[in-house]
C-alpha atoms as a PDB file:
ATOM      1  CA  MET A   1      58.049  79.524 -47.200  1.00  0.00           C
ATOM      2  CA  LEU A   2      57.056  80.113 -51.017  1.00  0.00           C
ATOM      3  CA  ASP A   3      53.641  79.482 -50.427  1.00  0.00           C
ATOM      4  CA  GLY A   4      51.618  83.177 -51.695  1.00  0.00           C
ATOM      5  CA  LEU A   5      54.089  83.333 -54.604  1.00  0.00           C
ATOM      6  CA  ASN A   6      53.241  82.730 -58.282  1.00  0.00           C
ATOM      7  CA  LYS A   7      54.583  80.046 -60.378  1.00  0.00           C
ATOM      8  CA  ILE A   8      57.692  82.295 -61.826  1.00  0.00           C
ATOM      9  CA  LYS A   9      58.442  84.343 -57.765  1.00  0.00           C
ATOM     10  CA  LYS A  10      58.208  81.039 -56.645  1.00  0.00           C
ATOM     11  CA  LEU A  11      61.077  79.838 -59.405  1.00  0.00           C
ATOM     12  CA  ASP A  12      62.736  82.629 -58.843  1.00  0.00           C
ATOM     13  CA  ARG A  13      63.480  82.055 -54.703  1.00  0.00           C
ATOM     14  CA  ALA A  14      63.690  78.258 -55.115  1.00  0.00           C
ATOM     15  CA  LYS A  15      67.104  80.027 -57.555  1.00  0.00           C
ATOM     16  CA  LYS A  16      68.186  82.025 -55.407  1.00  0.00           C
ATOM     17  CA  LEU A  17      68.106  79.318 -52.108  1.00  0.00           C
ATOM     18  CA  PHE A  18      69.528  77.157 -53.906  1.00  0.00           C
ATOM     19  CA  ALA A  19      72.784  79.412 -54.457  1.00  0.00           C
ATOM     20  CA  ASP A  20      73.065  80.056 -50.747  1.00  0.00           C
ATOM     21  CA  SER A  21      72.959  76.969 -50.166  1.00  0.00           C
ATOM     22  CA  ILE A  22      75.528  76.311 -52.519  1.00  0.00           C
ATOM     23  CA  MET A  23      77.647  79.179 -50.979  1.00  0.00           C
ATOM     24  CA  TYR A  24      76.375  78.264 -47.732  1.00  0.00           C
ATOM     25  CA  ASP A  25      78.437  74.606 -48.163  1.00  0.00           C
ATOM     26  CA  ARG A  26      81.478  75.635 -50.638  1.00  0.00           C
ATOM     27  CA  LYS A  27      84.471  74.748 -47.687  1.00  0.00           C
ATOM     28  CA  TRP A  28      82.787  71.764 -46.426  1.00  0.00           C
ATOM     29  CA  GLN A  29      82.293  70.078 -49.596  1.00  0.00           C
ATOM     30  CA  SER A  30      85.873  70.362 -50.631  1.00  0.00           C
ATOM     31  CA  GLU A  31      86.871  69.150 -47.248  1.00  0.00           C
ATOM     32  CA  ALA A  32      84.384  65.600 -47.854  1.00  0.00           C
ATOM     33  CA  ARG A  33      85.788  65.559 -51.658  1.00  0.00           C
ATOM     34  CA  GLU A  34      89.171  65.450 -49.824  1.00  0.00           C
ATOM     35  CA  ASP A  35      88.216  62.825 -47.173  1.00  0.00           C
ATOM     36  CA  PHE A  36      87.205  60.968 -49.639  1.00  0.00           C
ATOM     37  CA  LEU A  37      90.369  60.732 -52.129  1.00  0.00           C
ATOM     38  CA  PHE A  38      92.534  60.198 -48.292  1.00  0.00           C
ATOM     39  CA  LYS A  39      89.863  56.871 -47.824  1.00  0.00           C
ATOM     40  CA  ASP A  40      91.049  56.029 -51.804  1.00  0.00           C
ATOM     41  CA  GLY A  41      95.013  56.695 -50.855  1.00  0.00           C
ATOM     42  CA  PHE A  42      95.722  59.722 -53.030  1.00  0.00           C
ATOM     43  CA  GLN A  43      96.933  61.055 -49.289  1.00  0.00           C
ATOM     44  CA  TRP A  44      99.968  63.461 -51.400  1.00  0.00           C
ATOM     45  CA  THR A  45      99.777  67.235 -52.073  1.00  0.00           C
ATOM     46  CA  ALA A  46     101.511  68.353 -55.812  1.00  0.00           C
ATOM     47  CA  ASN A  47     103.554  69.700 -54.043  1.00  0.00           C
ATOM     48  CA  GLU A  48     104.521  66.455 -51.787  1.00  0.00           C
ATOM     49  CA  LYS A  49     105.221  64.590 -54.870  1.00  0.00           C
ATOM     50  CA  ARG A  50     106.967  66.668 -56.530  1.00  0.00           C
ATOM     51  CA  ILE A  51     109.363  67.621 -53.825  1.00  0.00           C
ATOM     52  CA  LEU A  52     110.097  63.823 -53.147  1.00  0.00           C
ATOM     53  CA  GLN A  53     110.095  62.881 -57.395  1.00  0.00           C
ATOM     54  CA  GLU A  54     112.826  65.989 -57.020  1.00  0.00           C
ATOM     55  CA  GLU A  55     114.987  63.865 -54.034  1.00  0.00           C
ATOM     56  CA  GLN A  56     113.834  60.514 -56.222  1.00  0.00           C
ATOM     57  CA  ARG A  57     112.606  59.272 -53.086  1.00  0.00           C
ATOM     58  CA  PRO A  58     109.161  56.592 -53.778  1.00  0.00           C
ATOM     59  CA  VAL A  59     105.947  58.357 -53.027  1.00  0.00           C
ATOM     60  CA  LEU A  60     104.610  55.297 -50.538  1.00  0.00           C
ATOM     61  CA  THR A  61     100.784  55.622 -48.987  1.00  0.00           C
ATOM     62  CA  PHE A  62     100.303  53.087 -46.081  1.00  0.00           C
ATOM     63  CA  ASN A  63      96.073  53.617 -45.691  1.00  0.00           C
ATOM     64  CA  LEU A  64      95.730  53.271 -42.619  1.00  0.00           C
ATOM     65  CA  THR A  65      92.224  54.816 -43.492  1.00  0.00           C
ATOM     66  CA  LYS A  66      90.765  52.289 -45.368  1.00  0.00           C
ATOM     67  CA  SER A  67      91.838  50.044 -43.088  1.00  0.00           C
ATOM     68  CA  SER A  68      89.544  51.848 -41.004  1.00  0.00           C
ATOM     69  CA  ILE A  69      86.241  52.766 -41.997  1.00  0.00           C
ATOM     70  CA  ASP A  70      86.535  48.692 -43.627  1.00  0.00           C
ATOM     71  CA  LEU A  71      86.365  47.739 -39.984  1.00  0.00           C
ATOM     72  CA  ILE A  72      84.122  49.932 -39.170  1.00  0.00           C
ATOM     73  CA  MET A  73      81.960  48.545 -41.735  1.00  0.00           C
ATOM     74  CA  GLY A  74      82.738  45.270 -40.802  1.00  0.00           C
ATOM     75  CA  MET A  75      81.363  45.510 -37.018  1.00  0.00           C
ATOM     76  CA  ASN A  76      78.393  47.545 -38.834  1.00  0.00           C
ATOM     77  CA  GLU A  77      77.527  43.882 -40.835  1.00  0.00           C
ATOM     78  CA  ASP A  78      78.668  41.216 -38.085  1.00  0.00           C
ATOM     79  CA  ASN A  79      75.821  43.322 -35.635  1.00  0.00           C
ATOM     80  CA  ARG A  80      73.674  44.773 -37.974  1.00  0.00           C
ATOM     81  CA  VAL A  81      70.310  45.948 -35.522  1.00  0.00           C
ATOM     82  CA  VAL A  82      66.994  44.441 -37.676  1.00  0.00           C
ATOM     83  CA  PHE A  83      63.607  45.428 -36.408  1.00  0.00           C
ATOM     84  CA  LYS A  84      60.944  43.226 -35.847  1.00  0.00           C
ATOM     85  CA  CYS A  85      56.984  43.330 -35.311  1.00  0.00           C
ATOM     86  CA  SER A  86      56.194  40.922 -31.924  1.00  0.00           C
ATOM     87  CA  PRO A  87      53.183  40.308 -30.799  1.00  0.00           C
ATOM     88  CA  VAL A  88      51.500  42.359 -27.917  1.00  0.00           C
ATOM     89  CA  ASP A  89      48.184  39.957 -27.161  1.00  0.00           C
ATOM     90  CA  PRO A  90      48.074  36.138 -29.311  1.00  0.00           C
ATOM     91  CA  THR A  91      45.707  38.229 -32.067  1.00  0.00           C
ATOM     92  CA  ASP A  92      49.270  39.721 -33.095  1.00  0.00           C
ATOM     93  CA  GLY A  93      50.563  36.789 -34.200  1.00  0.00           C
ATOM     94  CA  PHE A  94      49.580  36.367 -37.986  1.00  0.00           C
ATOM     95  CA  LEU A  95      49.797  40.424 -38.660  1.00  0.00           C
ATOM     96  CA  CYS A  96      52.992  40.371 -36.982  1.00  0.00           C
ATOM     97  CA  ASP A  97      54.117  37.608 -39.413  1.00  0.00           C
ATOM     98  CA  VAL A  98      52.556  39.520 -42.204  1.00  0.00           C
ATOM     99  CA  LEU A  99      54.048  43.031 -41.613  1.00  0.00           C
ATOM    100  CA  ASN A 100      58.315  40.990 -40.721  1.00  0.00           C
ATOM    101  CA  ASP A 101      57.631  39.334 -43.835  1.00  0.00           C
ATOM    102  CA  LEU A 102      56.517  42.678 -46.398  1.00  0.00           C
ATOM    103  CA  ASP A 103      59.927  44.143 -44.474  1.00  0.00           C
ATOM    104  CA  TYR A 104      62.171  41.743 -45.670  1.00  0.00           C
ATOM    105  CA  TRP A 105      60.392  41.485 -48.669  1.00  0.00           C
ATOM    106  CA  ILE A 106      60.752  44.874 -49.560  1.00  0.00           C
ATOM    107  CA  SER A 107      64.011  45.475 -48.449  1.00  0.00           C
ATOM    108  CA  GLU A 108      66.096  42.558 -50.256  1.00  0.00           C
ATOM    109  CA  ASN A 109      64.001  43.221 -53.847  1.00  0.00           C
ATOM    110  CA  ASN A 110      65.022  46.691 -53.046  1.00  0.00           C
ATOM    111  CA  ARG A 111      68.610  45.959 -51.893  1.00  0.00           C
ATOM    112  CA  PHE A 112      67.952  48.610 -48.824  1.00  0.00           C
ATOM    113  CA  VAL A 113      70.702  46.885 -46.358  1.00  0.00           C
ATOM    114  CA  ASP A 114      72.936  48.083 -49.187  1.00  0.00           C
ATOM    115  CA  GLU A 115      72.080  51.603 -49.305  1.00  0.00           C
ATOM    116  CA  GLU A 116      72.306  51.601 -46.115  1.00  0.00           C
ATOM    117  CA  ASP A 117      75.729  50.264 -45.625  1.00  0.00           C
ATOM    118  CA  ASP A 118      76.721  52.948 -48.451  1.00  0.00           C
ATOM    119  CA  ALA A 119      75.334  56.070 -46.507  1.00  0.00           C
ATOM    120  CA  LEU A 120      77.230  54.685 -43.667  1.00  0.00           C
ATOM    121  CA  GLU A 121      80.380  54.042 -45.048  1.00  0.00           C
ATOM    122  CA  SER A 122      79.885  57.856 -46.573  1.00  0.00           C
ATOM    123  CA  GLY A 123      78.718  59.208 -43.072  1.00  0.00           C
ATOM    124  CA  ALA A 124      82.425  57.565 -40.758  1.00  0.00           C
ATOM    125  CA  ILE A 125      84.226  59.014 -44.195  1.00  0.00           C
ATOM    126  CA  CYS A 126      83.006  62.281 -44.292  1.00  0.00           C
ATOM    127  CA  GLY A 127      80.564  62.855 -41.246  1.00  0.00           C
ATOM    128  CA  ARG A 128      76.941  62.526 -43.552  1.00  0.00           C
ATOM    129  CA  GLY A 129      75.981  60.068 -45.257  1.00  0.00           C
ATOM    130  CA  TYR A 130      72.187  60.304 -46.498  1.00  0.00           C
ATOM    131  CA  VAL A 131      69.235  58.090 -48.370  1.00  0.00           C
ATOM    132  CA  GLY A 132      66.202  58.979 -50.354  1.00  0.00           C
ATOM    133  CA  ILE A 133      63.401  56.942 -49.673  1.00  0.00           C
ATOM    134  CA  ASP A 134      60.606  57.775 -52.403  1.00  0.00           C
ATOM    135  CA  PHE A 135      57.354  55.414 -53.437  1.00  0.00           C
ATOM    136  CA  VAL A 136      55.520  55.932 -56.543  1.00  0.00           C
ATOM    137  CA  PRO A 137      51.804  54.748 -57.959  1.00  0.00           C
ATOM    138  CA  ASP A 138      53.434  51.645 -59.947  1.00  0.00           C
ATOM    139  CA  PRO A 139      51.739  52.739 -63.771  1.00  0.00           C
ATOM    140  CA  ARG A 140      51.544  50.028 -65.570  1.00  0.00           C
ATOM    141  CA  ARG A 141      50.116  47.688 -62.730  1.00  0.00           C
ATOM    142  CA  PHE A 142      46.649  49.309 -60.488  1.00  0.00           C
ATOM    143  CA  GLY A 143      46.923  49.052 -56.744  1.00  0.00           C
ATOM    144  CA  ASP A 144      50.984  48.061 -56.870  1.00  0.00           C
ATOM    145  CA  ILE A 145      53.922  51.196 -55.328  1.00  0.00           C
ATOM    146  CA  ILE A 146      56.824  50.783 -56.602  1.00  0.00           C
ATOM    147  CA  ILE A 147      59.480  51.944 -53.271  1.00  0.00           C
ATOM    148  CA  SER A 148      62.955  52.684 -54.012  1.00  0.00           C
ATOM    149  CA  GLU A 149      65.849  53.542 -51.189  1.00  0.00           C
ATOM    150  CA  VAL A 150      69.069  54.883 -52.544  1.00  0.00           C
ATOM    151  CA  ASN A 151      72.644  56.556 -51.387  1.00  0.00           C
ATOM    152  CA  ILE A 152      72.694  60.163 -51.924  1.00  0.00           C
ATOM    153  CA  PRO A 153      76.853  61.439 -52.278  1.00  0.00           C
ATOM    154  CA  VAL A 154      77.107  64.306 -50.092  1.00  0.00           C
ATOM    155  CA  SER A 155      78.107  66.011 -53.009  1.00  0.00           C
ATOM    156  CA  GLU A 156      74.269  65.707 -54.233  1.00  0.00           C
ATOM    157  CA  ILE A 157      72.448  67.422 -50.675  1.00  0.00           C
ATOM    158  CA  ARG A 158      72.263  71.439 -50.024  1.00  0.00           C
ATOM    159  CA  LEU A 159      71.174  72.234 -46.833  1.00  0.00           C
ATOM    160  CA  ASP A 160      69.131  75.323 -45.233  1.00  0.00           C
ATOM    161  CA  PRO A 161      71.902  77.766 -43.691  1.00  0.00           C
ATOM    162  CA  SER A 162      70.124  78.318 -41.546  1.00  0.00           C
ATOM    163  CA  SER A 163      69.711  75.123 -39.727  1.00  0.00           C
ATOM    164  CA  ARG A 164      71.946  74.599 -36.826  1.00  0.00           C
ATOM    165  CA  SER A 165      71.272  71.593 -35.904  1.00  0.00           C
ATOM    166  CA  ARG A 166      73.693  68.370 -35.813  1.00  0.00           C
ATOM    167  CA  ASP A 167      71.390  66.012 -38.001  1.00  0.00           C
ATOM    168  CA  PHE A 168      70.187  69.283 -39.883  1.00  0.00           C
ATOM    169  CA  SER A 169      66.144  68.545 -38.216  1.00  0.00           C
ATOM    170  CA  ASP A 170      65.718  71.656 -38.285  1.00  0.00           C
ATOM    171  CA  ALA A 171      66.700  72.414 -41.273  1.00  0.00           C
ATOM    172  CA  ASN A 172      63.116  74.003 -43.535  1.00  0.00           C
ATOM    173  CA  TYR A 173      64.539  72.499 -46.715  1.00  0.00           C
ATOM    174  CA  PHE A 174      67.256  70.482 -48.687  1.00  0.00           C
ATOM    175  CA  PHE A 175      67.792  70.428 -52.421  1.00  0.00           C
ATOM    176  CA  TRP A 176      68.868  67.424 -54.584  1.00  0.00           C
ATOM    177  CA  ASP A 177      71.493  68.389 -56.919  1.00  0.00           C
ATOM    178  CA  ARG A 178      71.277  65.522 -59.291  1.00  0.00           C
ATOM    179  CA  TRP A 179      72.982  65.786 -62.292  1.00  0.00           C
ATOM    180  CA  MET A 180      72.036  63.991 -65.349  1.00  0.00           C
ATOM    181  CA  SER A 181      73.601  63.677 -68.904  1.00  0.00           C
ATOM    182  CA  PRO A 182      71.395  64.338 -72.285  1.00  0.00           C
ATOM    183  CA  THR A 183      69.774  61.971 -72.855  1.00  0.00           C
ATOM    184  CA  ASP A 184      68.938  60.974 -69.094  1.00  0.00           C
ATOM    185  CA  PHE A 185      67.180  64.043 -69.538  1.00  0.00           C
ATOM    186  CA  LYS A 186      65.647  63.689 -72.680  1.00  0.00           C
ATOM    187  CA  VAL A 187      64.228  60.234 -71.289  1.00  0.00           C
ATOM    188  CA  LYS A 188      63.246  62.355 -67.748  1.00  0.00           C
ATOM    189  CA  TYR A 189      61.666  65.418 -69.458  1.00  0.00           C
ATOM    190  CA  PRO A 190      60.888  63.417 -72.437  1.00  0.00           C
ATOM    191  CA  LYS A 191      58.235  66.982 -73.538  1.00  0.00           C
ATOM    192  CA  THR A 192      61.920  68.861 -73.912  1.00  0.00           C
ATOM    193  CA  SER A 193      63.096  69.177 -76.907  1.00  0.00           C
ATOM    194  CA  SER A 194      66.562  68.396 -78.164  1.00  0.00           C
ATOM    195  CA  LYS A 195      66.966  71.998 -79.509  1.00  0.00           C
ATOM    196  CA  GLN A 196      65.861  72.813 -76.167  1.00  0.00           C
ATOM    197  CA  ILE A 197      68.826  70.709 -74.908  1.00  0.00           C
ATOM    198  CA  GLU A 198      71.230  71.755 -76.480  1.00  0.00           C
ATOM    199  CA  GLU A 199      70.857  75.362 -76.235  1.00  0.00           C
ATOM    200  CA  PHE A 200      70.672  74.922 -72.228  1.00  0.00           C
ATOM    201  CA  VAL A 201      73.958  72.679 -72.733  1.00  0.00           C
ATOM    202  CA  ARG A 202      75.950  75.209 -74.352  1.00  0.00           C
ATOM    203  CA  GLN A 203      74.149  78.276 -72.422  1.00  0.00           C
ATOM    204  CA  SER A 204      75.555  76.164 -69.099  1.00  0.00           C
ATOM    205  CA  LYS A 205      79.151  75.477 -70.189  1.00  0.00           C
ATOM    206  CA  GLY A 206      80.450  78.889 -68.149  1.00  0.00           C
ATOM    207  CA  LEU A 207      80.440  79.912 -65.059  1.00  0.00           C
ATOM    208  CA  ALA A 208      77.529  79.523 -62.568  1.00  0.00           C
ATOM    209  CA  THR A 209      76.473  82.829 -61.802  1.00  0.00           C
ATOM    210  CA  VAL A 210      73.189  84.506 -59.147  1.00  0.00           C
ATOM    211  CA  GLY A 211      73.224  88.875 -59.802  1.00  0.00           C
ATOM    212  CA  GLU A 212      76.440  89.671 -59.250  1.00  0.00           C
ATOM    213  CA  VAL A 213      77.175  86.278 -56.864  1.00  0.00           C
ATOM    214  CA  GLN A 214      80.057  83.236 -58.979  1.00  0.00           C
ATOM    215  CA  LEU A 215      78.988  80.164 -57.589  1.00  0.00           C
ATOM    216  CA  PRO A 216      82.008  77.472 -56.423  1.00  0.00           C
ATOM    217  CA  TYR A 217      80.749  74.801 -58.985  1.00  0.00           C
ATOM    218  CA  ASP A 218      83.950  72.558 -59.255  1.00  0.00           C
ATOM    219  CA  SER A 219      83.726  69.768 -62.187  1.00  0.00           C
ATOM    220  CA  ASP A 220      85.254  67.238 -59.760  1.00  0.00           C
ATOM    221  CA  SER A 221      82.386  67.583 -57.110  1.00  0.00           C
ATOM    222  CA  ILE A 222      79.579  67.150 -60.066  1.00  0.00           C
ATOM    223  CA  HIS A 223      78.890  63.946 -61.596  1.00  0.00           C
ATOM    224  CA  TYR A 224      79.330  66.425 -65.352  1.00  0.00           C
ATOM    225  CA  ASP A 225      80.912  69.138 -66.224  1.00  0.00           C
ATOM    226  CA  ILE A 226      78.801  71.396 -66.488  1.00  0.00           C
ATOM    227  CA  ALA A 227      77.762  74.417 -64.594  1.00  0.00           C
ATOM    228  CA  THR A 228      73.794  76.662 -64.834  1.00  0.00           C
ATOM    229  CA  ASP A 229      73.110  79.870 -65.013  1.00  0.00           C
ATOM    230  CA  TYR A 230      70.528  79.359 -61.786  1.00  0.00           C
ATOM    231  CA  TYR A 231      69.174  83.023 -62.533  1.00  0.00           C
ATOM    232  CA  GLY A 232      69.357  83.532 -65.918  1.00  0.00           C
ATOM    233  CA  ASP A 233      65.861  81.804 -66.913  1.00  0.00           C
ATOM    234  CA  THR A 234      62.818  81.829 -65.624  1.00  0.00           C
ATOM    235  CA  SER A 235      60.899  79.518 -67.530  1.00  0.00           C
ATOM    236  CA  ASP A 236      58.863  76.366 -65.923  1.00  0.00           C
END
């Protein structure tokens, strides 16, 4: 999709696609936030609470949603599917044992089951759940590989608006919109000066826009109350 473009045009195109993704998913993200709050027991609107208080009636919540989610998670725990390698002929036995032990060691050391359970719970609450898997060479130990698997909050994933498949398998791209504090940003991108970071934060506290389109960022749906002018910066 970005082949044949120079660096600046690629960045501009990526920003435009990102803005399209945010606009496309705005309504669903708002509904998903309500779903998570509903599961956590926040099931009354401000107007409903006001009416009950004026009538001097208690605001009681019988959270049947959470018990239903807990039941689903318990059933998953009791009926967990574990994939194992099985030998086709007797000479495959040792290799299968090695692969099974390796799979178990990686999964246990990286809490894969917990991360996958979190994604399943998210799927049960709002209909979507994401897990990100990454592996990179260990810079401190030559030949070793660092494998990580993390549950990604649904508020951080932006989808291709042209996707029509229920599992998004036909999507051309995904955005992982992850916000971080200035301190964490400095650690991850050490070449960025403190002055540049301060300027970025100062500029990004306003409303984000792409051309004449205002991006619908809501501080409740992101980790930090910082919106960004995605089209105003074309640097590398």
